[in-house]
Amino acid sequence: MRPIFASIVLLAATLASLTAQKRPVVFLITDAEGVAGVCRQDQTETKNPELQRLLTGEVNAAVRGFKLGGADVVVWDGHSNSSTLSTTTVEGAPLVMGGLGPKMLLDRGYSAVAFLGQHARAGRERAVMAHSYSSLGIQRLTMNGKEVGEIETRSALAGAFNIPVIFLSGDQAAADDLLAIVKDAEVAVVKEGIGYYACISMPAAGAQALIEQKAAAAVKKIASIRPYRIEGPVEITTEYSTRSTPSPENALPEGTDRTGPRTLRIRGANFMEAWTRWSSR
């Protein structure tokens, strides 16, 4: 009986250990331009009741999906001045509100990053309200010579902390932008861009169902998706709009030089150094 008893004790201890293991945690970055049913600039105002309702519905669907897949979620209200979402309506996940520093809390050891309501980078065709951080202030953004936006730079930031990007919801152009650098990510394409302010959108309920399904599937890929990393020296070049061009009399910070009347180039020995300088510009 002793060997049997010992086996039972070992099995119980193993099960207890497995039960005690921490669930993965997904850091969910939200935006607005990629939400189903949002195709006009006026719809993206943070206090627009329609946007709040549509975005919250998609956030809650993603949270349900990630939890169904076996992960917990932290949601960051990443649109505009971070005043779109509310703790009274976001369900099942803590909500981060306010501007974040260059590390965007990723030094806290999240298991994965996900994008919700995401738009494509500036200059993309058939992409709803595509821009790179500022539709009014930035004409073009490049990293090591390649055009980039929030998807590429934030994926690289996650990669700097060895965190994979596993999911994106948005229009087809945004999905294509992520799949170009993270080919195995799960994407929920909720609309097709016809023009900058025109789209063919899924109904809200259908988009939310798709997001929940894809989010659940994404959790299963956390261990298999490789983080997107940018190795070696990094140059981030920003071509500003005329209205936002820094004065030529302004002193340039370390690692920054002018490459044109409206263009500044920031250099770093690695991604984090260049990104920190760019974020603090």
C-alpha atoms as a PDB file:
ATOM      1  CA  MET A   1       0.000   0.000   0.000  1.00  0.00           C
ATOM      2  CA  ARG A   2       2.891   2.373   0.635  1.00  0.00           C
ATOM      3  CA  PRO A   3       3.924   2.720  -3.039  1.00  0.00           C
ATOM      4  CA  ILE A   4       0.298   3.364  -4.000  1.00  0.00           C
ATOM      5  CA  PHE A   5      -0.094   5.948  -1.232  1.00  0.00           C
ATOM      6  CA  ALA A   6       3.141   7.633  -2.303  1.00  0.00           C
ATOM      7  CA  SER A   7       1.907   7.756  -5.905  1.00  0.00           C
ATOM      8  CA  ILE A   8      -1.364   9.334  -4.808  1.00  0.00           C
ATOM      9  CA  VAL A   9       0.503  11.958  -2.777  1.00  0.00           C
ATOM     10  CA  LEU A  10       2.803  12.710  -5.743  1.00  0.00           C
ATOM     11  CA  LEU A  11      -0.160  13.003  -8.108  1.00  0.00           C
ATOM     12  CA  ALA A  12      -1.975  15.346  -5.733  1.00  0.00           C
ATOM     13  CA  ALA A  13       1.131  17.499  -5.370  1.00  0.00           C
ATOM     14  CA  THR A  14       1.579  17.655  -9.144  1.00  0.00           C
ATOM     15  CA  LEU A  15      -2.031  18.673  -9.689  1.00  0.00           C
ATOM     16  CA  ALA A  16      -1.762  21.322  -6.981  1.00  0.00           C
ATOM     17  CA  SER A  17       1.377  22.680  -8.604  1.00  0.00           C
ATOM     18  CA  LEU A  18      -0.275  22.877 -12.012  1.00  0.00           C
ATOM     19  CA  THR A  19      -3.308  24.580 -10.506  1.00  0.00           C
ATOM     20  CA  ALA A  20      -1.094  27.136  -8.778  1.00  0.00           C
ATOM     21  CA  GLN A  21       0.699  28.096 -11.989  1.00  0.00           C
ATOM     22  CA  LYS A  22      -0.003  31.640 -13.085  1.00  0.00           C
ATOM     23  CA  ARG A  23      -2.259  32.214 -16.050  1.00  0.00           C
ATOM     24  CA  PRO A  24      -0.721  34.179 -18.930  1.00  0.00           C
ATOM     25  CA  VAL A  25      -1.617  37.858 -19.017  1.00  0.00           C
ATOM     26  CA  VAL A  26      -2.357  39.709 -22.276  1.00  0.00           C
ATOM     27  CA  PHE A  27      -1.769  43.470 -22.507  1.00  0.00           C
ATOM     28  CA  LEU A  28      -4.554  44.731 -24.785  1.00  0.00           C
ATOM     29  CA  ILE A  29      -3.892  48.052 -26.550  1.00  0.00           C
ATOM     30  CA  THR A  30      -7.061  49.727 -27.799  1.00  0.00           C
ATOM     31  CA  ASP A  31      -7.633  52.335 -30.475  1.00  0.00           C
ATOM     32  CA  ALA A  32     -10.698  53.590 -32.337  1.00  0.00           C
ATOM     33  CA  GLU A  33     -10.167  53.849 -36.074  1.00  0.00           C
ATOM     34  CA  GLY A  34     -10.196  50.064 -36.504  1.00  0.00           C
ATOM     35  CA  VAL A  35     -13.474  49.430 -34.691  1.00  0.00           C
ATOM     36  CA  ALA A  36     -16.347  47.961 -36.736  1.00  0.00           C
ATOM     37  CA  GLY A  37     -18.793  50.678 -37.775  1.00  0.00           C
ATOM     38  CA  VAL A  38     -16.276  53.520 -37.342  1.00  0.00           C
ATOM     39  CA  CYS A  39     -15.419  55.122 -40.687  1.00  0.00           C
ATOM     40  CA  ARG A  40     -15.572  58.901 -40.131  1.00  0.00           C
ATOM     41  CA  GLN A  41     -13.377  61.269 -38.161  1.00  0.00           C
ATOM     42  CA  ASP A  42     -16.256  62.618 -36.054  1.00  0.00           C
ATOM     43  CA  GLN A  43     -16.950  59.083 -34.823  1.00  0.00           C
ATOM     44  CA  THR A  44     -13.514  58.893 -33.183  1.00  0.00           C
ATOM     45  CA  GLU A  45     -14.135  61.667 -30.642  1.00  0.00           C
ATOM     46  CA  THR A  46     -13.442  60.102 -27.253  1.00  0.00           C
ATOM     47  CA  LYS A  47     -16.788  61.095 -25.724  1.00  0.00           C
ATOM     48  CA  ASN A  48     -18.828  60.058 -28.753  1.00  0.00           C
ATOM     49  CA  PRO A  49     -21.478  57.702 -27.285  1.00  0.00           C
ATOM     50  CA  GLU A  50     -21.497  55.559 -30.427  1.00  0.00           C
ATOM     51  CA  LEU A  51     -17.729  55.044 -30.289  1.00  0.00           C
ATOM     52  CA  GLN A  52     -17.844  54.274 -26.586  1.00  0.00           C
ATOM     53  CA  ARG A  53     -20.558  51.680 -27.134  1.00  0.00           C
ATOM     54  CA  LEU A  54     -18.909  50.044 -30.151  1.00  0.00           C
ATOM     55  CA  LEU A  55     -15.388  50.025 -28.700  1.00  0.00           C
ATOM     56  CA  THR A  56     -16.523  48.740 -25.311  1.00  0.00           C
ATOM     57  CA  GLY A  57     -18.430  45.929 -26.992  1.00  0.00           C
ATOM     58  CA  GLU A  58     -15.298  44.839 -28.835  1.00  0.00           C
ATOM     59  CA  VAL A  59     -13.091  45.163 -25.748  1.00  0.00           C
ATOM     60  CA  ASN A  60     -15.437  42.996 -23.695  1.00  0.00           C
ATOM     61  CA  ALA A  61     -15.593  40.451 -26.516  1.00  0.00           C
ATOM     62  CA  ALA A  62     -11.790  40.279 -26.618  1.00  0.00           C
ATOM     63  CA  VAL A  63     -11.592  39.898 -22.837  1.00  0.00           C
ATOM     64  CA  ARG A  64     -14.098  37.041 -22.975  1.00  0.00           C
ATOM     65  CA  GLY A  65     -12.103  35.391 -25.731  1.00  0.00           C
ATOM     66  CA  PHE A  66      -8.747  35.674 -24.014  1.00  0.00           C
ATOM     67  CA  LYS A  67     -10.222  34.307 -20.793  1.00  0.00           C
ATOM     68  CA  LEU A  68     -11.882  31.467 -22.680  1.00  0.00           C
ATOM     69  CA  GLY A  69      -8.453  30.649 -24.092  1.00  0.00           C
ATOM     70  CA  GLY A  70      -6.963  30.572 -20.595  1.00  0.00           C
ATOM     71  CA  ALA A  71      -5.438  34.033 -20.165  1.00  0.00           C
ATOM     72  CA  ASP A  72      -6.137  37.103 -18.076  1.00  0.00           C
ATOM     73  CA  VAL A  73      -6.158  40.591 -19.592  1.00  0.00           C
ATOM     74  CA  VAL A  74      -5.046  44.128 -18.793  1.00  0.00           C
ATOM     75  CA  VAL A  75      -6.707  46.750 -21.036  1.00  0.00           C
ATOM     76  CA  TRP A  76      -5.102  50.084 -21.911  1.00  0.00           C
ATOM     77  CA  ASP A  77      -7.374  52.844 -23.209  1.00  0.00           C
ATOM     78  CA  GLY A  78      -4.948  53.827 -25.950  1.00  0.00           C
ATOM     79  CA  HIS A  79      -7.077  56.146 -28.066  1.00  0.00           C
ATOM     80  CA  SER A  80      -6.404  59.879 -28.096  1.00  0.00           C
ATOM     81  CA  ASN A  81      -6.270  61.191 -24.514  1.00  0.00           C
ATOM     82  CA  SER A  82      -7.268  57.853 -22.961  1.00  0.00           C
ATOM     83  CA  SER A  83     -10.773  58.925 -22.009  1.00  0.00           C
ATOM     84  CA  THR A  84     -12.954  56.670 -24.149  1.00  0.00           C
ATOM     85  CA  LEU A  85     -13.362  53.591 -21.964  1.00  0.00           C
ATOM     86  CA  SER A  86     -14.845  53.367 -18.476  1.00  0.00           C
ATOM     87  CA  THR A  87     -14.463  50.995 -15.557  1.00  0.00           C
ATOM     88  CA  THR A  88     -18.253  50.989 -15.341  1.00  0.00           C
ATOM     89  CA  THR A  89     -18.571  49.209 -18.683  1.00  0.00           C
ATOM     90  CA  VAL A  90     -15.318  47.291 -19.289  1.00  0.00           C
ATOM     91  CA  GLU A  91     -15.934  43.856 -17.853  1.00  0.00           C
ATOM     92  CA  GLY A  92     -13.550  41.260 -16.485  1.00  0.00           C
ATOM     93  CA  ALA A  93     -10.271  43.163 -16.784  1.00  0.00           C
ATOM     94  CA  PRO A  94      -8.447  46.057 -15.110  1.00  0.00           C
ATOM     95  CA  LEU A  95      -8.324  49.261 -17.149  1.00  0.00           C
ATOM     96  CA  VAL A  96      -5.194  51.373 -17.606  1.00  0.00           C
ATOM     97  CA  MET A  97      -5.986  55.040 -18.232  1.00  0.00           C
ATOM     98  CA  GLY A  98      -3.648  57.892 -19.112  1.00  0.00           C
ATOM     99  CA  GLY A  99      -0.512  58.371 -21.174  1.00  0.00           C
ATOM    100  CA  LEU A 100       2.247  55.803 -20.780  1.00  0.00           C
ATOM    101  CA  GLY A 101       6.006  56.219 -20.911  1.00  0.00           C
ATOM    102  CA  PRO A 102       8.318  54.707 -23.548  1.00  0.00           C
ATOM    103  CA  LYS A 103       8.153  51.220 -21.979  1.00  0.00           C
ATOM    104  CA  MET A 104       4.332  51.242 -21.988  1.00  0.00           C
ATOM    105  CA  LEU A 105       4.306  49.032 -18.859  1.00  0.00           C
ATOM    106  CA  LEU A 106       5.789  46.142 -20.840  1.00  0.00           C
ATOM    107  CA  ASP A 107       8.580  45.817 -18.304  1.00  0.00           C
ATOM    108  CA  ARG A 108       5.947  44.286 -16.002  1.00  0.00           C
ATOM    109  CA  GLY A 109       6.354  40.935 -17.694  1.00  0.00           C
ATOM    110  CA  TYR A 110       3.152  40.475 -19.685  1.00  0.00           C
ATOM    111  CA  SER A 111       2.869  37.237 -21.626  1.00  0.00           C
ATOM    112  CA  ALA A 112       1.605  38.771 -24.869  1.00  0.00           C
ATOM    113  CA  VAL A 113       0.467  41.998 -26.515  1.00  0.00           C
ATOM    114  CA  ALA A 114      -2.718  42.424 -28.555  1.00  0.00           C
ATOM    115  CA  PHE A 115      -4.200  45.279 -30.601  1.00  0.00           C
ATOM    116  CA  LEU A 116      -7.915  46.080 -30.743  1.00  0.00           C
ATOM    117  CA  GLY A 117      -9.567  48.650 -33.021  1.00  0.00           C
ATOM    118  CA  GLN A 118      -6.201  49.220 -34.685  1.00  0.00           C
ATOM    119  CA  HIS A 119      -5.588  51.246 -37.856  1.00  0.00           C
ATOM    120  CA  ALA A 120      -2.879  50.860 -40.499  1.00  0.00           C
ATOM    121  CA  ARG A 121       0.178  53.063 -40.883  1.00  0.00           C
ATOM    122  CA  ALA A 122       0.209  56.401 -42.707  1.00  0.00           C
ATOM    123  CA  GLY A 123       0.106  56.274 -46.476  1.00  0.00           C
ATOM    124  CA  ARG A 124      -1.655  52.897 -46.820  1.00  0.00           C
ATOM    125  CA  GLU A 125      -4.246  52.581 -49.559  1.00  0.00           C
ATOM    126  CA  ARG A 126      -7.773  51.383 -48.806  1.00  0.00           C
ATOM    127  CA  ALA A 127      -7.138  51.874 -45.119  1.00  0.00           C
ATOM    128  CA  VAL A 128      -9.646  53.589 -42.837  1.00  0.00           C
ATOM    129  CA  MET A 129      -8.157  56.738 -41.282  1.00  0.00           C
ATOM    130  CA  ALA A 130      -4.642  55.299 -41.588  1.00  0.00           C
ATOM    131  CA  HIS A 131      -1.980  57.327 -39.798  1.00  0.00           C
ATOM    132  CA  SER A 132       1.197  56.977 -37.773  1.00  0.00           C
ATOM    133  CA  TYR A 133       0.544  58.337 -34.273  1.00  0.00           C
ATOM    134  CA  SER A 134      -0.710  61.742 -35.430  1.00  0.00           C
ATOM    135  CA  SER A 135      -2.900  62.241 -38.496  1.00  0.00           C
ATOM    136  CA  LEU A 136      -2.372  66.005 -38.252  1.00  0.00           C
ATOM    137  CA  GLY A 137       1.253  66.118 -37.173  1.00  0.00           C
ATOM    138  CA  ILE A 138       3.130  63.308 -38.936  1.00  0.00           C
ATOM    139  CA  GLN A 139       3.177  62.750 -42.697  1.00  0.00           C
ATOM    140  CA  ARG A 140       5.507  59.750 -42.725  1.00  0.00           C
ATOM    141  CA  LEU A 141       7.352  57.651 -40.179  1.00  0.00           C
ATOM    142  CA  THR A 142      10.138  55.216 -41.016  1.00  0.00           C
ATOM    143  CA  MET A 143      12.273  52.823 -39.005  1.00  0.00           C
ATOM    144  CA  ASN A 144      15.542  51.763 -40.615  1.00  0.00           C
ATOM    145  CA  GLY A 145      14.155  53.006 -43.917  1.00  0.00           C
ATOM    146  CA  LYS A 146      10.835  51.138 -43.769  1.00  0.00           C
ATOM    147  CA  GLU A 147       7.508  52.919 -43.332  1.00  0.00           C
ATOM    148  CA  VAL A 148       5.955  52.138 -39.957  1.00  0.00           C
ATOM    149  CA  GLY A 149       3.118  53.080 -37.623  1.00  0.00           C
ATOM    150  CA  GLU A 150       1.843  52.011 -34.228  1.00  0.00           C
ATOM    151  CA  ILE A 151       1.655  48.354 -35.222  1.00  0.00           C
ATOM    152  CA  GLU A 152       5.293  48.026 -36.245  1.00  0.00           C
ATOM    153  CA  THR A 153       6.834  50.190 -33.520  1.00  0.00           C
ATOM    154  CA  ARG A 154       4.791  48.755 -30.665  1.00  0.00           C
ATOM    155  CA  SER A 155       5.414  45.221 -31.902  1.00  0.00           C
ATOM    156  CA  ALA A 156       9.137  46.014 -31.855  1.00  0.00           C
ATOM    157  CA  LEU A 157       8.759  47.464 -28.353  1.00  0.00           C
ATOM    158  CA  ALA A 158       7.081  44.255 -27.213  1.00  0.00           C
ATOM    159  CA  GLY A 159       9.882  42.306 -28.871  1.00  0.00           C
ATOM    160  CA  ALA A 160      12.474  44.300 -26.944  1.00  0.00           C
ATOM    161  CA  PHE A 161      10.932  42.741 -23.819  1.00  0.00           C
ATOM    162  CA  ASN A 162      10.687  39.329 -25.516  1.00  0.00           C
ATOM    163  CA  ILE A 163       6.882  39.561 -25.658  1.00  0.00           C
ATOM    164  CA  PRO A 164       5.003  38.266 -28.721  1.00  0.00           C
ATOM    165  CA  VAL A 165       2.126  40.068 -30.431  1.00  0.00           C
ATOM    166  CA  ILE A 166      -0.635  37.490 -30.831  1.00  0.00           C
ATOM    167  CA  PHE A 167      -3.780  39.307 -31.979  1.00  0.00           C
ATOM    168  CA  LEU A 168      -5.151  42.300 -33.865  1.00  0.00           C
ATOM    169  CA  SER A 169      -8.637  43.483 -34.767  1.00  0.00           C
ATOM    170  CA  GLY A 170      -9.209  46.229 -37.307  1.00  0.00           C
ATOM    171  CA  ASP A 171      -9.570  46.735 -41.036  1.00  0.00           C
ATOM    172  CA  GLN A 172      -7.915  44.560 -43.677  1.00  0.00           C
ATOM    173  CA  ALA A 173      -4.992  46.976 -44.122  1.00  0.00           C
ATOM    174  CA  ALA A 174      -4.150  46.919 -40.411  1.00  0.00           C
ATOM    175  CA  ALA A 175      -4.325  43.129 -40.386  1.00  0.00           C
ATOM    176  CA  ASP A 176      -1.985  42.988 -43.385  1.00  0.00           C
ATOM    177  CA  ASP A 177       0.465  45.347 -41.632  1.00  0.00           C
ATOM    178  CA  LEU A 178       0.715  43.026 -38.625  1.00  0.00           C
ATOM    179  CA  LEU A 179       0.860  39.797 -40.626  1.00  0.00           C
ATOM    180  CA  ALA A 180       3.771  41.249 -42.621  1.00  0.00           C
ATOM    181  CA  ILE A 181       5.900  41.170 -39.468  1.00  0.00           C
ATOM    182  CA  VAL A 182       4.135  38.525 -37.300  1.00  0.00           C
ATOM    183  CA  LYS A 183       2.817  35.999 -39.796  1.00  0.00           C
ATOM    184  CA  ASP A 184       1.221  33.653 -37.238  1.00  0.00           C
ATOM    185  CA  ALA A 185      -0.772  36.245 -35.294  1.00  0.00           C
ATOM    186  CA  GLU A 186      -4.541  35.879 -35.133  1.00  0.00           C
ATOM    187  CA  VAL A 187      -6.411  38.720 -36.864  1.00  0.00           C
ATOM    188  CA  ALA A 188     -10.075  39.673 -36.758  1.00  0.00           C
ATOM    189  CA  VAL A 189     -10.825  41.689 -39.911  1.00  0.00           C
ATOM    190  CA  VAL A 190     -14.012  43.576 -39.073  1.00  0.00           C
ATOM    191  CA  LYS A 191     -14.165  45.925 -42.071  1.00  0.00           C
ATOM    192  CA  GLU A 192     -12.729  46.667 -45.496  1.00  0.00           C
ATOM    193  CA  GLY A 193     -11.401  50.119 -46.248  1.00  0.00           C
ATOM    194  CA  ILE A 194     -12.702  51.682 -49.444  1.00  0.00           C
ATOM    195  CA  GLY A 195     -11.127  55.064 -48.832  1.00  0.00           C
ATOM    196  CA  TYR A 196      -9.770  57.138 -45.976  1.00  0.00           C
ATOM    197  CA  TYR A 197     -13.295  57.856 -44.702  1.00  0.00           C
ATOM    198  CA  ALA A 198     -15.181  54.976 -46.325  1.00  0.00           C
ATOM    199  CA  CYS A 199     -15.540  51.304 -45.479  1.00  0.00           C
ATOM    200  CA  ILE A 200     -17.662  48.180 -45.651  1.00  0.00           C
ATOM    201  CA  SER A 201     -18.175  47.074 -42.042  1.00  0.00           C
ATOM    202  CA  MET A 202     -19.437  43.959 -40.328  1.00  0.00           C
ATOM    203  CA  PRO A 203     -22.403  44.449 -37.970  1.00  0.00           C
ATOM    204  CA  ALA A 204     -21.261  45.121 -34.426  1.00  0.00           C
ATOM    205  CA  ALA A 205     -22.564  41.798 -33.084  1.00  0.00           C
ATOM    206  CA  GLY A 206     -20.807  39.837 -35.816  1.00  0.00           C
ATOM    207  CA  ALA A 207     -17.540  41.702 -35.281  1.00  0.00           C
ATOM    208  CA  GLN A 208     -17.661  41.026 -31.550  1.00  0.00           C
ATOM    209  CA  ALA A 209     -18.298  37.325 -32.101  1.00  0.00           C
ATOM    210  CA  LEU A 210     -15.324  37.140 -34.490  1.00  0.00           C
ATOM    211  CA  ILE A 211     -13.076  39.015 -32.046  1.00  0.00           C
ATOM    212  CA  GLU A 212     -14.004  36.661 -29.207  1.00  0.00           C
ATOM    213  CA  GLN A 213     -13.274  33.618 -31.360  1.00  0.00           C
ATOM    214  CA  LYS A 214      -9.923  34.903 -32.638  1.00  0.00           C
ATOM    215  CA  ALA A 215      -8.816  36.092 -29.189  1.00  0.00           C
ATOM    216  CA  ALA A 216      -9.420  32.637 -27.729  1.00  0.00           C
ATOM    217  CA  ALA A 217      -7.416  31.078 -30.557  1.00  0.00           C
ATOM    218  CA  ALA A 218      -4.578  33.597 -30.066  1.00  0.00           C
ATOM    219  CA  VAL A 219      -3.922  32.502 -26.476  1.00  0.00           C
ATOM    220  CA  LYS A 220      -3.033  29.021 -27.737  1.00  0.00           C
ATOM    221  CA  LYS A 221      -0.255  30.570 -29.830  1.00  0.00           C
ATOM    222  CA  ILE A 222       1.573  32.481 -27.098  1.00  0.00           C
ATOM    223  CA  ALA A 223       4.336  29.891 -26.826  1.00  0.00           C
ATOM    224  CA  SER A 224       4.764  29.464 -30.591  1.00  0.00           C
ATOM    225  CA  ILE A 225       4.755  33.064 -31.896  1.00  0.00           C
ATOM    226  CA  ARG A 226       8.202  34.609 -31.973  1.00  0.00           C
ATOM    227  CA  PRO A 227       8.540  38.165 -30.655  1.00  0.00           C
ATOM    228  CA  TYR A 228       9.198  40.759 -33.357  1.00  0.00           C
ATOM    229  CA  ARG A 229      12.688  42.066 -32.674  1.00  0.00           C
ATOM    230  CA  ILE A 230      14.717  44.799 -34.373  1.00  0.00           C
ATOM    231  CA  GLU A 231      18.401  44.051 -33.883  1.00  0.00           C
ATOM    232  CA  GLY A 232      21.340  46.426 -34.116  1.00  0.00           C
ATOM    233  CA  PRO A 233      21.365  50.208 -34.532  1.00  0.00           C
ATOM    234  CA  VAL A 234      17.990  51.836 -35.232  1.00  0.00           C
ATOM    235  CA  GLU A 235      17.070  55.044 -37.046  1.00  0.00           C
ATOM    236  CA  ILE A 236      13.579  56.513 -36.704  1.00  0.00           C
ATOM    237  CA  THR A 237      12.821  59.267 -39.209  1.00  0.00           C
ATOM    238  CA  THR A 238       9.798  61.525 -38.816  1.00  0.00           C
ATOM    239  CA  GLU A 239       8.471  63.676 -41.637  1.00  0.00           C
ATOM    240  CA  TYR A 240       6.226  66.240 -39.975  1.00  0.00           C
ATOM    241  CA  SER A 241       3.309  68.100 -41.469  1.00  0.00           C
ATOM    242  CA  THR A 242       3.907  71.785 -42.153  1.00  0.00           C
ATOM    243  CA  ARG A 243       1.836  72.835 -39.144  1.00  0.00           C
ATOM    244  CA  SER A 244       3.866  70.622 -36.782  1.00  0.00           C
ATOM    245  CA  THR A 245       7.389  71.110 -38.113  1.00  0.00           C
ATOM    246  CA  PRO A 246       9.856  71.914 -35.303  1.00  0.00           C
ATOM    247  CA  SER A 247      11.463  75.334 -35.596  1.00  0.00           C
ATOM    248  CA  PRO A 248      14.930  75.259 -37.199  1.00  0.00           C
ATOM    249  CA  GLU A 249      16.083  77.357 -34.244  1.00  0.00           C
ATOM    250  CA  ASN A 250      15.202  74.641 -31.744  1.00  0.00           C
ATOM    251  CA  ALA A 251      18.164  72.798 -30.261  1.00  0.00           C
ATOM    252  CA  LEU A 252      18.184  69.145 -31.217  1.00  0.00           C
ATOM    253  CA  PRO A 253      18.487  66.504 -28.486  1.00  0.00           C
ATOM    254  CA  GLU A 254      21.197  63.865 -28.437  1.00  0.00           C
ATOM    255  CA  GLY A 255      21.038  61.425 -31.327  1.00  0.00           C
ATOM    256  CA  THR A 256      18.871  63.703 -33.488  1.00  0.00           C
ATOM    257  CA  ASP A 257      19.631  65.481 -36.733  1.00  0.00           C
ATOM    258  CA  ARG A 258      17.728  67.200 -39.548  1.00  0.00           C
ATOM    259  CA  THR A 259      17.533  65.470 -42.905  1.00  0.00           C
ATOM    260  CA  GLY A 260      15.111  67.937 -44.510  1.00  0.00           C
ATOM    261  CA  PRO A 261      13.070  71.059 -43.764  1.00  0.00           C
ATOM    262  CA  ARG A 262      10.306  68.984 -42.133  1.00  0.00           C
ATOM    263  CA  THR A 263      12.226  65.813 -41.268  1.00  0.00           C
ATOM    264  CA  LEU A 264      14.115  64.738 -38.165  1.00  0.00           C
ATOM    265  CA  ARG A 265      16.138  61.546 -37.777  1.00  0.00           C
ATOM    266  CA  ILE A 266      16.703  59.948 -34.385  1.00  0.00           C
ATOM    267  CA  ARG A 267      19.437  57.339 -33.954  1.00  0.00           C
ATOM    268  CA  GLY A 268      20.048  54.769 -31.265  1.00  0.00           C
ATOM    269  CA  ALA A 269      22.491  51.946 -30.654  1.00  0.00           C
ATOM    270  CA  ASN A 270      19.462  49.661 -30.357  1.00  0.00           C
ATOM    271  CA  PHE A 271      15.696  49.858 -30.626  1.00  0.00           C
ATOM    272  CA  MET A 272      15.067  50.877 -27.020  1.00  0.00           C
ATOM    273  CA  GLU A 273      17.539  53.749 -27.160  1.00  0.00           C
ATOM    274  CA  ALA A 274      16.062  55.100 -30.409  1.00  0.00           C
ATOM    275  CA  TRP A 275      12.491  54.525 -29.243  1.00  0.00           C
ATOM    276  CA  THR A 276      13.063  56.235 -25.899  1.00  0.00           C
ATOM    277  CA  ARG A 277      14.543  59.262 -27.649  1.00  0.00           C
ATOM    278  CA  TRP A 278      11.674  59.364 -30.157  1.00  0.00           C
ATOM    279  CA  SER A 279       9.010  59.011 -27.447  1.00  0.00           C
ATOM    280  CA  SER A 280      10.591  61.828 -25.441  1.00  0.00           C
ATOM    281  CA  ARG A 281      11.011  64.219 -28.379  1.00  0.00           C
END
